[in-house]
Amino acid sequence: MWNFGDEAMAIIPGVMRLRENLREYVDIHMNVSSLTGMPVLRPMVLAYPDDPKCAEADVEDQYMFGPDWLVAPVYTQGAKERSVYLPAGAKWE
């Protein structure tokens, strides 16, 4: 990490803390996956089968990480925001 400069050195500790905080969550859902076959990384349509919008192409680049984390990667360099679809019937905080 020292090869990436001061900016990276300022960002990396936060990412490492996030990784450590997610360790138990990942372990739990990997075990659930091995018992049930439900993947840890879930397409929106699999996580929300009753929401027809989740099967459309404009949400195919977002997915669920376990049942609790919606992931919507930013693909455009320099982008500070993007549109995200929040499935109906779920509590979003």
C-alpha atoms as a PDB file:
ATOM      1  CA  MET A   1       0.000   0.000   0.000  1.00  0.00           C
ATOM      2  CA  TRP A   2       2.984   2.310   0.454  1.00  0.00           C
ATOM      3  CA  ASN A   3       3.449   2.425  -3.331  1.00  0.00           C
ATOM      4  CA  PHE A   4       0.172   4.303  -3.816  1.00  0.00           C
ATOM      5  CA  GLY A   5       1.045   7.541  -2.027  1.00  0.00           C
ATOM      6  CA  ASP A   6      -0.467   9.712   0.663  1.00  0.00           C
ATOM      7  CA  GLU A   7      -3.996   9.703  -0.761  1.00  0.00           C
ATOM      8  CA  ALA A   8      -4.150   5.899  -0.623  1.00  0.00           C
ATOM      9  CA  MET A   9      -2.627   5.861   2.845  1.00  0.00           C
ATOM     10  CA  ALA A  10      -5.500   8.088   4.015  1.00  0.00           C
ATOM     11  CA  ILE A  11      -8.187   5.851   2.445  1.00  0.00           C
ATOM     12  CA  ILE A  12      -6.877   2.334   3.106  1.00  0.00           C
ATOM     13  CA  PRO A  13      -7.384   2.252   6.922  1.00  0.00           C
ATOM     14  CA  GLY A  14     -11.109   2.956   6.486  1.00  0.00           C
ATOM     15  CA  VAL A  15     -11.428   0.194   3.911  1.00  0.00           C
ATOM     16  CA  MET A  16      -9.577  -2.205   6.200  1.00  0.00           C
ATOM     17  CA  ARG A  17     -11.958  -1.348   9.093  1.00  0.00           C
ATOM     18  CA  LEU A  18     -14.964  -1.964   6.823  1.00  0.00           C
ATOM     19  CA  ARG A  19     -13.506  -5.325   5.810  1.00  0.00           C
ATOM     20  CA  GLU A  20     -12.993  -6.298   9.441  1.00  0.00           C
ATOM     21  CA  ASN A  21     -16.502  -5.154  10.396  1.00  0.00           C
ATOM     22  CA  LEU A  22     -17.977  -7.323   7.612  1.00  0.00           C
ATOM     23  CA  ARG A  23     -16.029 -10.452   8.580  1.00  0.00           C
ATOM     24  CA  GLU A  24     -18.797 -11.970  10.752  1.00  0.00           C
ATOM     25  CA  TYR A  25     -21.512 -11.044   8.216  1.00  0.00           C
ATOM     26  CA  VAL A  26     -19.591 -12.757   5.408  1.00  0.00           C
ATOM     27  CA  ASP A  27     -18.952 -15.841   7.541  1.00  0.00           C
ATOM     28  CA  ILE A  28     -22.638 -16.172   8.464  1.00  0.00           C
ATOM     29  CA  HIS A  29     -23.849 -15.821   4.882  1.00  0.00           C
ATOM     30  CA  MET A  30     -21.192 -18.128   3.459  1.00  0.00           C
ATOM     31  CA  ASN A  31     -22.483 -20.773   5.877  1.00  0.00           C
ATOM     32  CA  VAL A  32     -26.092 -20.060   4.872  1.00  0.00           C
ATOM     33  CA  SER A  33     -25.041 -20.354   1.245  1.00  0.00           C
ATOM     34  CA  SER A  34     -23.394 -23.720   1.793  1.00  0.00           C
ATOM     35  CA  LEU A  35     -26.494 -25.038   3.598  1.00  0.00           C
ATOM     36  CA  THR A  36     -29.206 -23.633   1.317  1.00  0.00           C
ATOM     37  CA  GLY A  37     -27.554 -22.941  -2.027  1.00  0.00           C
ATOM     38  CA  MET A  38     -28.592 -19.268  -1.872  1.00  0.00           C
ATOM     39  CA  PRO A  39     -25.638 -17.306  -3.229  1.00  0.00           C
ATOM     40  CA  VAL A  40     -24.037 -14.603  -1.120  1.00  0.00           C
ATOM     41  CA  LEU A  41     -24.001 -12.237  -4.127  1.00  0.00           C
ATOM     42  CA  ARG A  42     -27.582 -12.204  -5.371  1.00  0.00           C
ATOM     43  CA  PRO A  43     -29.066 -10.633  -8.478  1.00  0.00           C
ATOM     44  CA  MET A  44     -31.857  -8.247  -7.614  1.00  0.00           C
ATOM     45  CA  VAL A  45     -34.463 -10.484  -9.243  1.00  0.00           C
ATOM     46  CA  LEU A  46     -33.425 -13.395  -7.002  1.00  0.00           C
ATOM     47  CA  ALA A  47     -33.542 -11.279  -3.853  1.00  0.00           C
ATOM     48  CA  TYR A  48     -36.850  -9.591  -4.788  1.00  0.00           C
ATOM     49  CA  PRO A  49     -38.778 -11.942  -7.095  1.00  0.00           C
ATOM     50  CA  ASP A  50     -42.090 -10.122  -6.530  1.00  0.00           C
ATOM     51  CA  ASP A  51     -40.722  -6.814  -7.833  1.00  0.00           C
ATOM     52  CA  PRO A  52     -40.803  -6.913 -11.668  1.00  0.00           C
ATOM     53  CA  LYS A  53     -38.485  -3.885 -11.893  1.00  0.00           C
ATOM     54  CA  CYS A  54     -35.680  -6.044 -10.430  1.00  0.00           C
ATOM     55  CA  ALA A  55     -35.680  -8.170 -13.598  1.00  0.00           C
ATOM     56  CA  GLU A  56     -35.164  -5.187 -15.915  1.00  0.00           C
ATOM     57  CA  ALA A  57     -31.886  -4.331 -17.598  1.00  0.00           C
ATOM     58  CA  ASP A  58     -31.500  -0.946 -15.895  1.00  0.00           C
ATOM     59  CA  VAL A  59     -30.892  -2.615 -12.503  1.00  0.00           C
ATOM     60  CA  GLU A  60     -28.742  -5.527 -13.662  1.00  0.00           C
ATOM     61  CA  ASP A  61     -25.556  -3.771 -12.522  1.00  0.00           C
ATOM     62  CA  GLN A  62     -26.667  -3.633  -8.896  1.00  0.00           C
ATOM     63  CA  TYR A  63     -26.960  -6.672  -6.648  1.00  0.00           C
ATOM     64  CA  MET A  64     -27.487  -7.793  -3.078  1.00  0.00           C
ATOM     65  CA  PHE A  65     -24.563  -8.818  -0.879  1.00  0.00           C
ATOM     66  CA  GLY A  66     -26.354 -11.204   1.454  1.00  0.00           C
ATOM     67  CA  PRO A  67     -29.874 -10.130   2.396  1.00  0.00           C
ATOM     68  CA  ASP A  68     -28.899  -6.744   3.855  1.00  0.00           C
ATOM     69  CA  TRP A  69     -26.443  -4.898   1.592  1.00  0.00           C
ATOM     70  CA  LEU A  70     -27.428  -3.461  -1.763  1.00  0.00           C
ATOM     71  CA  VAL A  71     -24.344  -2.914  -3.924  1.00  0.00           C
ATOM     72  CA  ALA A  72     -24.401  -0.470  -6.829  1.00  0.00           C
ATOM     73  CA  PRO A  73     -20.889  -0.017  -8.256  1.00  0.00           C
ATOM     74  CA  VAL A  74     -19.885   3.295  -9.782  1.00  0.00           C
ATOM     75  CA  TYR A  75     -18.328   2.675 -13.204  1.00  0.00           C
ATOM     76  CA  THR A  76     -17.718   6.207 -14.395  1.00  0.00           C
ATOM     77  CA  GLN A  77     -14.359   7.679 -13.435  1.00  0.00           C
ATOM     78  CA  GLY A  78     -14.784  10.782 -11.290  1.00  0.00           C
ATOM     79  CA  ALA A  79     -18.518  10.173 -10.704  1.00  0.00           C
ATOM     80  CA  LYS A  80     -19.788  11.246  -7.299  1.00  0.00           C
ATOM     81  CA  GLU A  81     -23.266   9.729  -7.600  1.00  0.00           C
ATOM     82  CA  ARG A  82     -25.415   7.312  -9.566  1.00  0.00           C
ATOM     83  CA  SER A  83     -29.027   6.190  -9.751  1.00  0.00           C
ATOM     84  CA  VAL A  84     -29.978   3.211  -7.597  1.00  0.00           C
ATOM     85  CA  TYR A  85     -33.267   1.313  -7.592  1.00  0.00           C
ATOM     86  CA  LEU A  86     -34.607   0.412  -4.140  1.00  0.00           C
ATOM     87  CA  PRO A  87     -36.957  -2.592  -4.452  1.00  0.00           C
ATOM     88  CA  ALA A  88     -40.523  -2.204  -3.290  1.00  0.00           C
ATOM     89  CA  GLY A  89     -41.512  -3.819  -0.028  1.00  0.00           C
ATOM     90  CA  ALA A  90     -38.106  -3.588   1.634  1.00  0.00           C
ATOM     91  CA  LYS A  91     -37.156  -1.321   4.524  1.00  0.00           C
ATOM     92  CA  TRP A  92     -34.312   0.968   3.444  1.00  0.00           C
ATOM     93  CA  GLU A  93     -32.426   3.054   5.952  1.00  0.00           C
END
